[in-house]
Amino acid sequence: QARKKDDEKDRKQYTVSESMHKKLTAALEALQEE
């Protein structure tokens, strides 16, 4: 756990577009299956 909460990091947003999400999910599944 970080010492500071996420909202204290002053990051603008943590968003991923729908198309990007699909591609990242596909890449992650491929990595998990080597």
PDB file of all heavy atoms in Angstrom:
ATOM      1  N   GLN A   1       0.842  -1.198   0.000  1.00  0.00           N
ATOM      2  CA  GLN A   1       0.000   0.000   0.000  1.00  0.00           C
ATOM      3  C   GLN A   1       0.874   1.244   0.000  1.00  0.00           C
ATOM      4  O   GLN A   1       1.870   1.315   0.702  1.00  0.00           O
ATOM      5  CB  GLN A   1      -0.903   0.010   1.232  1.00  0.00           C
ATOM      6  CG  GLN A   1      -1.909  -1.145   1.245  1.00  0.00           C
ATOM      7  CD  GLN A   1      -2.778  -1.094   2.488  1.00  0.00           C
ATOM      8  OE1 GLN A   1      -2.492  -0.357   3.410  1.00  0.00           O
ATOM      9  NE2 GLN A   1      -3.830  -1.883   2.481  1.00  0.00           N
ATOM     10  N   ALA A   2       0.451   2.207  -0.800  1.00  0.00           N
ATOM     11  CA  ALA A   2       1.197   3.460  -0.843  1.00  0.00           C
ATOM     12  C   ALA A   2       0.929   4.275   0.405  1.00  0.00           C
ATOM     13  O   ALA A   2      -0.094   4.123   1.062  1.00  0.00           O
ATOM     14  CB  ALA A   2       0.789   4.257  -2.082  1.00  0.00           C
ATOM     15  N   ARG A   3       1.871   5.138   0.713  1.00  0.00           N
ATOM     16  CA  ARG A   3       1.694   6.009   1.874  1.00  0.00           C
ATOM     17  C   ARG A   3       0.581   7.019   1.622  1.00  0.00           C
ATOM     18  O   ARG A   3      -0.081   7.464   2.534  1.00  0.00           O
ATOM     19  CB  ARG A   3       3.004   6.738   2.171  1.00  0.00           C
ATOM     20  CG  ARG A   3       4.119   5.823   2.647  1.00  0.00           C
ATOM     21  CD  ARG A   3       5.307   6.631   3.077  1.00  0.00           C
ATOM     22  NE  ARG A   3       6.434   5.794   3.403  1.00  0.00           N
ATOM     23  CZ  ARG A   3       6.610   5.191   4.567  1.00  0.00           C
ATOM     24  NH1 ARG A   3       5.711   5.330   5.507  1.00  0.00           N
ATOM     25  NH2 ARG A   3       7.667   4.440   4.783  1.00  0.00           N
ATOM     26  N   LYS A   4       0.405   7.393   0.357  1.00  0.00           N
ATOM     27  CA  LYS A   4      -0.610   8.377   0.010  1.00  0.00           C
ATOM     28  C   LYS A   4      -1.713   7.728  -0.807  1.00  0.00           C
ATOM     29  O   LYS A   4      -1.479   6.811  -1.571  1.00  0.00           O
ATOM     30  CB  LYS A   4       0.017   9.522  -0.799  1.00  0.00           C
ATOM     31  CG  LYS A   4       1.109  10.265  -0.056  1.00  0.00           C
ATOM     32  CD  LYS A   4       1.683  11.368  -0.922  1.00  0.00           C
ATOM     33  CE  LYS A   4       2.794  12.105  -0.199  1.00  0.00           C
ATOM     34  NZ  LYS A   4       3.369  13.179  -1.032  1.00  0.00           N
ATOM     35  N   LYS A   5      -2.917   8.219  -0.670  1.00  0.00           N
ATOM     36  CA  LYS A   5      -4.037   7.709  -1.443  1.00  0.00           C
ATOM     37  C   LYS A   5      -3.919   8.179  -2.884  1.00  0.00           C
ATOM     38  O   LYS A   5      -3.259   9.158  -3.201  1.00  0.00           O
ATOM     39  CB  LYS A   5      -5.358   8.195  -0.836  1.00  0.00           C
ATOM     40  CG  LYS A   5      -5.607   7.653   0.570  1.00  0.00           C
ATOM     41  CD  LYS A   5      -6.927   8.155   1.120  1.00  0.00           C
ATOM     42  CE  LYS A   5      -7.166   7.616   2.524  1.00  0.00           C
ATOM     43  NZ  LYS A   5      -8.441   8.119   3.078  1.00  0.00           N
ATOM     44  N   ASP A   6      -4.634   7.464  -3.754  1.00  0.00           N
ATOM     45  CA  ASP A   6      -4.540   7.783  -5.185  1.00  0.00           C
ATOM     46  C   ASP A   6      -4.922   9.224  -5.478  1.00  0.00           C
ATOM     47  O   ASP A   6      -4.277   9.893  -6.294  1.00  0.00           O
ATOM     48  CB  ASP A   6      -5.448   6.840  -5.984  1.00  0.00           C
ATOM     49  CG  ASP A   6      -4.935   5.413  -5.940  1.00  0.00           C
ATOM     50  OD1 ASP A   6      -3.794   5.204  -5.482  1.00  0.00           O
ATOM     51  OD2 ASP A   6      -5.680   4.520  -6.363  1.00  0.00           O
ATOM     52  N   ASP A   7      -5.973   9.706  -4.828  1.00  0.00           N
ATOM     53  CA  ASP A   7      -6.412  11.067  -5.149  1.00  0.00           C
ATOM     54  C   ASP A   7      -5.420  12.117  -4.658  1.00  0.00           C
ATOM     55  O   ASP A   7      -5.474  13.273  -5.050  1.00  0.00           O
ATOM     56  CB  ASP A   7      -7.801  11.350  -4.562  1.00  0.00           C
ATOM     57  CG  ASP A   7      -7.861  11.143  -3.062  1.00  0.00           C
ATOM     58  OD1 ASP A   7      -6.827  10.770  -2.463  1.00  0.00           O
ATOM     59  OD2 ASP A   7      -8.935  11.343  -2.488  1.00  0.00           O
ATOM     60  N   GLU A   8      -4.483  11.695  -3.800  1.00  0.00           N
ATOM     61  CA  GLU A   8      -3.467  12.612  -3.329  1.00  0.00           C
ATOM     62  C   GLU A   8      -2.289  12.688  -4.289  1.00  0.00           C
ATOM     63  O   GLU A   8      -1.392  13.491  -4.130  1.00  0.00           O
ATOM     64  CB  GLU A   8      -2.970  12.183  -1.940  1.00  0.00           C
ATOM     65  CG  GLU A   8      -4.044  12.303  -0.873  1.00  0.00           C
ATOM     66  CD  GLU A   8      -3.594  11.751   0.461  1.00  0.00           C
ATOM     67  OE1 GLU A   8      -2.687  10.892   0.477  1.00  0.00           O
ATOM     68  OE2 GLU A   8      -4.148  12.181   1.483  1.00  0.00           O
ATOM     69  N   LYS A   9      -2.281  11.829  -5.279  1.00  0.00           N
ATOM     70  CA  LYS A   9      -1.207  11.811  -6.263  1.00  0.00           C
ATOM     71  C   LYS A   9      -1.411  12.872  -7.342  1.00  0.00           C
ATOM     72  O   LYS A   9      -0.569  13.081  -8.197  1.00  0.00           O
ATOM     73  CB  LYS A   9      -1.124  10.424  -6.926  1.00  0.00           C
ATOM     74  CG  LYS A   9      -0.552   9.338  -6.035  1.00  0.00           C
ATOM     75  CD  LYS A   9       0.917   9.577  -5.772  1.00  0.00           C
ATOM     76  CE  LYS A   9       1.516   8.409  -4.980  1.00  0.00           C
ATOM     77  NZ  LYS A   9       2.934   8.636  -4.707  1.00  0.00           N
ATOM     78  N   ASP A  10      -2.558  13.495  -7.341  1.00  0.00           N
ATOM     79  CA  ASP A  10      -2.832  14.585  -8.262  1.00  0.00           C
ATOM     80  C   ASP A  10      -2.741  14.142  -9.724  1.00  0.00           C
ATOM     81  O   ASP A  10      -2.225  14.850 -10.588  1.00  0.00           O
ATOM     82  CB  ASP A  10      -1.863  15.747  -8.025  1.00  0.00           C
ATOM     83  CG  ASP A  10      -2.344  17.029  -8.718  1.00  0.00           C
ATOM     84  OD1 ASP A  10      -3.572  17.177  -8.900  1.00  0.00           O
ATOM     85  OD2 ASP A  10      -1.496  17.846  -9.094  1.00  0.00           O
ATOM     86  N   ARG A  11      -3.218  12.903  -9.980  1.00  0.00           N
ATOM     87  CA  ARG A  11      -3.265  12.446 -11.358  1.00  0.00           C
ATOM     88  C   ARG A  11      -4.624  12.857 -11.948  1.00  0.00           C
ATOM     89  O   ARG A  11      -5.652  12.839 -11.286  1.00  0.00           O
ATOM     90  CB  ARG A  11      -3.077  10.935 -11.419  1.00  0.00           C
ATOM     91  CG  ARG A  11      -1.654  10.523 -11.019  1.00  0.00           C
ATOM     92  CD  ARG A  11      -1.469   9.032 -11.206  1.00  0.00           C
ATOM     93  NE  ARG A  11      -0.065   8.664 -11.010  1.00  0.00           N
ATOM     94  CZ  ARG A  11       0.467   8.417  -9.832  1.00  0.00           C
ATOM     95  NH1 ARG A  11      -0.255   8.506  -8.747  1.00  0.00           N
ATOM     96  NH2 ARG A  11       1.744   8.116  -9.731  1.00  0.00           N
ATOM     97  N   LYS A  12      -4.585  13.161 -13.212  1.00  0.00           N
ATOM     98  CA  LYS A  12      -5.795  13.707 -13.842  1.00  0.00           C
ATOM     99  C   LYS A  12      -6.878  12.640 -13.978  1.00  0.00           C
ATOM    100  O   LYS A  12      -8.023  12.843 -13.601  1.00  0.00           O
ATOM    101  CB  LYS A  12      -5.446  14.281 -15.208  1.00  0.00           C
ATOM    102  CG  LYS A  12      -4.506  15.492 -15.132  1.00  0.00           C
ATOM    103  CD  LYS A  12      -4.191  16.014 -16.523  1.00  0.00           C
ATOM    104  CE  LYS A  12      -3.263  17.224 -16.446  1.00  0.00           C
ATOM    105  NZ  LYS A  12      -2.907  17.753 -17.781  1.00  0.00           N
ATOM    106  N   GLN A  13      -6.541  11.472 -14.493  1.00  0.00           N
ATOM    107  CA  GLN A  13      -7.568  10.447 -14.693  1.00  0.00           C
ATOM    108  C   GLN A  13      -6.899   9.108 -14.985  1.00  0.00           C
ATOM    109  O   GLN A  13      -5.749   9.052 -15.380  1.00  0.00           O
ATOM    110  CB  GLN A  13      -8.496  10.821 -15.847  1.00  0.00           C
ATOM    111  CG  GLN A  13      -7.770  11.047 -17.169  1.00  0.00           C
ATOM    112  CD  GLN A  13      -8.717  11.484 -18.268  1.00  0.00           C
ATOM    113  OE1 GLN A  13      -9.910  11.636 -18.028  1.00  0.00           O
ATOM    114  NE2 GLN A  13      -8.194  11.672 -19.463  1.00  0.00           N
ATOM    115  N   TYR A  14      -7.665   8.044 -14.773  1.00  0.00           N
ATOM    116  CA  TYR A  14      -7.202   6.698 -15.082  1.00  0.00           C
ATOM    117  C   TYR A  14      -8.243   6.069 -16.000  1.00  0.00           C
ATOM    118  O   TYR A  14      -9.043   5.239 -15.583  1.00  0.00           O
ATOM    119  CB  TYR A  14      -7.039   5.853 -13.808  1.00  0.00           C
ATOM    120  CG  TYR A  14      -6.139   6.484 -12.776  1.00  0.00           C
ATOM    121  CD1 TYR A  14      -6.665   7.013 -11.610  1.00  0.00           C
ATOM    122  CD2 TYR A  14      -4.770   6.556 -12.983  1.00  0.00           C
ATOM    123  CE1 TYR A  14      -5.836   7.598 -10.663  1.00  0.00           C
ATOM    124  CE2 TYR A  14      -3.944   7.128 -12.043  1.00  0.00           C
ATOM    125  CZ  TYR A  14      -4.481   7.652 -10.882  1.00  0.00           C
ATOM    126  OH  TYR A  14      -3.663   8.231  -9.949  1.00  0.00           O
ATOM    127  N   THR A  15      -8.303   6.511 -17.210  1.00  0.00           N
ATOM    128  CA  THR A  15      -9.322   6.021 -18.146  1.00  0.00           C
ATOM    129  C   THR A  15      -8.665   5.359 -19.337  1.00  0.00           C
ATOM    130  O   THR A  15      -7.581   5.739 -19.771  1.00  0.00           O
ATOM    131  CB  THR A  15     -10.209   7.173 -18.656  1.00  0.00           C
ATOM    132  OG1 THR A  15      -9.382   8.134 -19.324  1.00  0.00           O
ATOM    133  CG2 THR A  15     -10.951   7.839 -17.507  1.00  0.00           C
ATOM    134  N   VAL A  16      -9.360   4.358 -19.851  1.00  0.00           N
ATOM    135  CA  VAL A  16      -8.921   3.642 -21.049  1.00  0.00           C
ATOM    136  C   VAL A  16     -10.119   3.538 -21.983  1.00  0.00           C
ATOM    137  O   VAL A  16     -11.219   3.170 -21.551  1.00  0.00           O
ATOM    138  CB  VAL A  16      -8.410   2.226 -20.699  1.00  0.00           C
ATOM    139  CG1 VAL A  16      -8.011   1.464 -21.965  1.00  0.00           C
ATOM    140  CG2 VAL A  16      -7.236   2.305 -19.745  1.00  0.00           C
ATOM    141  N   SER A  17      -9.906   3.849 -23.246  1.00  0.00           N
ATOM    142  CA  SER A  17     -11.004   3.758 -24.210  1.00  0.00           C
ATOM    143  C   SER A  17     -11.427   2.315 -24.388  1.00  0.00           C
ATOM    144  O   SER A  17     -10.659   1.383 -24.098  1.00  0.00           O
ATOM    145  CB  SER A  17     -10.563   4.343 -25.555  1.00  0.00           C
ATOM    146  OG  SER A  17      -9.573   3.520 -26.136  1.00  0.00           O
ATOM    147  N   GLU A  18     -12.621   2.116 -24.883  1.00  0.00           N
ATOM    148  CA  GLU A  18     -13.159   0.758 -25.043  1.00  0.00           C
ATOM    149  C   GLU A  18     -12.295  -0.070 -25.992  1.00  0.00           C
ATOM    150  O   GLU A  18     -11.980  -1.238 -25.719  1.00  0.00           O
ATOM    151  CB  GLU A  18     -14.592   0.826 -25.557  1.00  0.00           C
ATOM    152  CG  GLU A  18     -15.253  -0.556 -25.632  1.00  0.00           C
ATOM    153  CD  GLU A  18     -16.708  -0.468 -26.044  1.00  0.00           C
ATOM    154  OE1 GLU A  18     -17.260   0.645 -26.053  1.00  0.00           O
ATOM    155  OE2 GLU A  18     -17.275  -1.525 -26.348  1.00  0.00           O
ATOM    156  N   SER A  19     -11.877   0.519 -27.111  1.00  0.00           N
ATOM    157  CA  SER A  19     -11.060  -0.223 -28.078  1.00  0.00           C
ATOM    158  C   SER A  19      -9.693  -0.546 -27.494  1.00  0.00           C
ATOM    159  O   SER A  19      -9.151  -1.639 -27.709  1.00  0.00           O
ATOM    160  CB  SER A  19     -10.906   0.597 -29.361  1.00  0.00           C
ATOM    161  OG  SER A  19     -10.234   1.827 -29.078  1.00  0.00           O
ATOM    162  N   MET A  20      -9.142   0.398 -26.761  1.00  0.00           N
ATOM    163  CA  MET A  20      -7.854   0.165 -26.125  1.00  0.00           C
ATOM    164  C   MET A  20      -7.966  -0.947 -25.077  1.00  0.00           C
ATOM    165  O   MET A  20      -7.083  -1.799 -24.954  1.00  0.00           O
ATOM    166  CB  MET A  20      -7.348   1.451 -25.481  1.00  0.00           C
ATOM    167  CG  MET A  20      -6.022   1.305 -24.726  1.00  0.00           C
ATOM    168  SD  MET A  20      -4.661   0.837 -25.799  1.00  0.00           S
ATOM    169  CE  MET A  20      -4.517   2.335 -26.776  1.00  0.00           C
ATOM    170  N   HIS A  21      -9.067  -0.937 -24.329  1.00  0.00           N
ATOM    171  CA  HIS A  21      -9.291  -1.949 -23.307  1.00  0.00           C
ATOM    172  C   HIS A  21      -9.310  -3.345 -23.923  1.00  0.00           C
ATOM    173  O   HIS A  21      -8.722  -4.289 -23.379  1.00  0.00           O
ATOM    174  CB  HIS A  21     -10.607  -1.668 -22.575  1.00  0.00           C
ATOM    175  CG  HIS A  21     -10.883  -2.648 -21.462  1.00  0.00           C
ATOM    176  ND1 HIS A  21     -11.565  -3.823 -21.659  1.00  0.00           N
ATOM    177  CD2 HIS A  21     -10.528  -2.628 -20.143  1.00  0.00           C
ATOM    178  CE1 HIS A  21     -11.635  -4.481 -20.513  1.00  0.00           C
ATOM    179  NE2 HIS A  21     -11.023  -3.759 -19.580  1.00  0.00           N
ATOM    180  N   LYS A  22      -9.964  -3.495 -25.071  1.00  0.00           N
ATOM    181  CA  LYS A  22     -10.037  -4.799 -25.729  1.00  0.00           C
ATOM    182  C   LYS A  22      -8.650  -5.273 -26.155  1.00  0.00           C
ATOM    183  O   LYS A  22      -8.289  -6.446 -25.977  1.00  0.00           O
ATOM    184  CB  LYS A  22     -10.961  -4.724 -26.934  1.00  0.00           C
ATOM    185  CG  LYS A  22     -12.435  -4.580 -26.582  1.00  0.00           C
ATOM    186  CD  LYS A  22     -13.283  -4.524 -27.837  1.00  0.00           C
ATOM    187  CE  LYS A  22     -14.764  -4.391 -27.485  1.00  0.00           C
ATOM    188  NZ  LYS A  22     -15.608  -4.325 -28.710  1.00  0.00           N
ATOM    189  N   LYS A  23      -7.858  -4.364 -26.711  1.00  0.00           N
ATOM    190  CA  LYS A  23      -6.528  -4.742 -27.177  1.00  0.00           C
ATOM    191  C   LYS A  23      -5.596  -5.075 -26.013  1.00  0.00           C
ATOM    192  O   LYS A  23      -4.812  -6.030 -26.074  1.00  0.00           O
ATOM    193  CB  LYS A  23      -5.941  -3.624 -28.021  1.00  0.00           C
ATOM    194  CG  LYS A  23      -6.676  -3.450 -29.351  1.00  0.00           C
ATOM    195  CD  LYS A  23      -6.105  -2.298 -30.150  1.00  0.00           C
ATOM    196  CE  LYS A  23      -6.863  -2.141 -31.482  1.00  0.00           C
ATOM    197  NZ  LYS A  23      -6.349  -1.011 -32.290  1.00  0.00           N
ATOM    198  N   LEU A  24      -5.696  -4.293 -24.961  1.00  0.00           N
ATOM    199  CA  LEU A  24      -4.853  -4.582 -23.794  1.00  0.00           C
ATOM    200  C   LEU A  24      -5.244  -5.902 -23.145  1.00  0.00           C
ATOM    201  O   LEU A  24      -4.380  -6.662 -22.683  1.00  0.00           O
ATOM    202  CB  LEU A  24      -4.951  -3.441 -22.783  1.00  0.00           C
ATOM    203  CG  LEU A  24      -4.271  -2.127 -23.181  1.00  0.00           C
ATOM    204  CD1 LEU A  24      -4.561  -1.055 -22.137  1.00  0.00           C
ATOM    205  CD2 LEU A  24      -2.769  -2.306 -23.337  1.00  0.00           C
ATOM    206  N   THR A  25      -6.543  -6.182 -23.121  1.00  0.00           N
ATOM    207  CA  THR A  25      -7.015  -7.450 -22.559  1.00  0.00           C
ATOM    208  C   THR A  25      -6.503  -8.616 -23.395  1.00  0.00           C
ATOM    209  O   THR A  25      -6.056  -9.640 -22.852  1.00  0.00           O
ATOM    210  CB  THR A  25      -8.545  -7.474 -22.505  1.00  0.00           C
ATOM    211  OG1 THR A  25      -9.015  -6.395 -21.689  1.00  0.00           O
ATOM    212  CG2 THR A  25      -9.043  -8.794 -21.936  1.00  0.00           C
ATOM    213  N   ALA A  26      -6.540  -8.470 -24.707  1.00  0.00           N
ATOM    214  CA  ALA A  26      -6.036  -9.526 -25.584  1.00  0.00           C
ATOM    215  C   ALA A  26      -4.536  -9.744 -25.366  1.00  0.00           C
ATOM    216  O   ALA A  26      -4.038 -10.879 -25.327  1.00  0.00           O
ATOM    217  CB  ALA A  26      -6.309  -9.170 -27.043  1.00  0.00           C
ATOM    218  N   ALA A  27      -3.799  -8.638 -25.227  1.00  0.00           N
ATOM    219  CA  ALA A  27      -2.356  -8.742 -24.991  1.00  0.00           C
ATOM    220  C   ALA A  27      -2.064  -9.406 -23.657  1.00  0.00           C
ATOM    221  O   ALA A  27      -1.154 -10.237 -23.536  1.00  0.00           O
ATOM    222  CB  ALA A  27      -1.725  -7.359 -25.039  1.00  0.00           C
ATOM    223  N   LEU A  28      -2.863  -9.052 -22.636  1.00  0.00           N
ATOM    224  CA  LEU A  28      -2.670  -9.638 -21.311  1.00  0.00           C
ATOM    225  C   LEU A  28      -2.929 -11.140 -21.332  1.00  0.00           C
ATOM    226  O   LEU A  28      -2.168 -11.922 -20.753  1.00  0.00           O
ATOM    227  CB  LEU A  28      -3.595  -8.957 -20.295  1.00  0.00           C
ATOM    228  CG  LEU A  28      -3.515  -9.484 -18.856  1.00  0.00           C
ATOM    229  CD1 LEU A  28      -2.099  -9.324 -18.308  1.00  0.00           C
ATOM    230  CD2 LEU A  28      -4.514  -8.764 -17.972  1.00  0.00           C
ATOM    231  N   GLU A  29      -3.997 -11.559 -22.016  1.00  0.00           N
ATOM    232  CA  GLU A  29      -4.304 -12.996 -22.106  1.00  0.00           C
ATOM    233  C   GLU A  29      -3.180 -13.743 -22.819  1.00  0.00           C
ATOM    234  O   GLU A  29      -2.799 -14.855 -22.431  1.00  0.00           O
ATOM    235  CB  GLU A  29      -5.628 -13.199 -22.830  1.00  0.00           C
ATOM    236  CG  GLU A  29      -6.834 -12.727 -22.014  1.00  0.00           C
ATOM    237  CD  GLU A  29      -8.132 -12.802 -22.814  1.00  0.00           C
ATOM    238  OE1 GLU A  29      -8.059 -13.075 -24.041  1.00  0.00           O
ATOM    239  OE2 GLU A  29      -9.211 -12.582 -22.210  1.00  0.00           O
ATOM    240  N   ALA A  30      -2.624 -13.129 -23.867  1.00  0.00           N
ATOM    241  CA  ALA A  30      -1.521 -13.762 -24.586  1.00  0.00           C
ATOM    242  C   ALA A  30      -0.284 -13.881 -23.693  1.00  0.00           C
ATOM    243  O   ALA A  30       0.423 -14.901 -23.713  1.00  0.00           O
ATOM    244  CB  ALA A  30      -1.197 -12.959 -25.848  1.00  0.00           C
ATOM    245  N   LEU A  31      -0.027 -12.853 -22.891  1.00  0.00           N
ATOM    246  CA  LEU A  31       1.109 -12.906 -21.969  1.00  0.00           C
ATOM    247  C   LEU A  31       0.932 -14.012 -20.933  1.00  0.00           C
ATOM    248  O   LEU A  31       1.873 -14.748 -20.636  1.00  0.00           O
ATOM    249  CB  LEU A  31       1.268 -11.557 -21.253  1.00  0.00           C
ATOM    250  CG  LEU A  31       1.920 -10.412 -22.030  1.00  0.00           C
ATOM    251  CD1 LEU A  31       1.854  -9.123 -21.220  1.00  0.00           C
ATOM    252  CD2 LEU A  31       3.362 -10.747 -22.363  1.00  0.00           C
ATOM    253  N   GLN A  32      -0.288 -14.112 -20.400  1.00  0.00           N
ATOM    254  CA  GLN A  32      -0.547 -15.133 -19.387  1.00  0.00           C
ATOM    255  C   GLN A  32      -0.376 -16.536 -19.945  1.00  0.00           C
ATOM    256  O   GLN A  32       0.012 -17.457 -19.230  1.00  0.00           O
ATOM    257  CB  GLN A  32      -1.958 -14.950 -18.822  1.00  0.00           C
ATOM    258  CG  GLN A  32      -2.102 -13.692 -17.973  1.00  0.00           C
ATOM    259  CD  GLN A  32      -3.544 -13.424 -17.572  1.00  0.00           C
ATOM    260  OE1 GLN A  32      -4.483 -13.833 -18.262  1.00  0.00           O
ATOM    261  NE2 GLN A  32      -3.717 -12.738 -16.456  1.00  0.00           N
ATOM    262  N   GLU A  33      -0.656 -16.722 -21.222  1.00  0.00           N
ATOM    263  CA  GLU A  33      -0.519 -18.024 -21.876  1.00  0.00           C
ATOM    264  C   GLU A  33       0.850 -18.199 -22.519  1.00  0.00           C
ATOM    265  O   GLU A  33       1.103 -19.179 -23.221  1.00  0.00           O
ATOM    266  CB  GLU A  33      -1.615 -18.194 -22.929  1.00  0.00           C
ATOM    267  CG  GLU A  33      -3.018 -18.233 -22.320  1.00  0.00           C
ATOM    268  CD  GLU A  33      -4.113 -18.202 -23.395  1.00  0.00           C
ATOM    269  OE1 GLU A  33      -3.761 -18.217 -24.593  1.00  0.00           O
ATOM    270  OE2 GLU A  33      -5.293 -18.173 -23.021  1.00  0.00           O
ATOM    271  N   GLU A  34       1.737 -17.208 -22.292  1.00  0.00           N
ATOM    272  CA  GLU A  34       3.096 -17.214 -22.830  1.00  0.00           C
ATOM    273  C   GLU A  34       3.121 -17.274 -24.348  1.00  0.00           C
ATOM    274  O   GLU A  34       4.048 -17.821 -24.969  1.00  0.00           O
ATOM    275  CB  GLU A  34       3.923 -18.363 -22.238  1.00  0.00           C
ATOM    276  CG  GLU A  34       4.100 -18.253 -20.732  1.00  0.00           C
ATOM    277  CD  GLU A  34       5.002 -19.331 -20.160  1.00  0.00           C
ATOM    278  OE1 GLU A  34       5.528 -20.137 -20.960  1.00  0.00           O
ATOM    279  OE2 GLU A  34       5.177 -19.378 -18.928  1.00  0.00           O
TER     280      GLU A  34
END
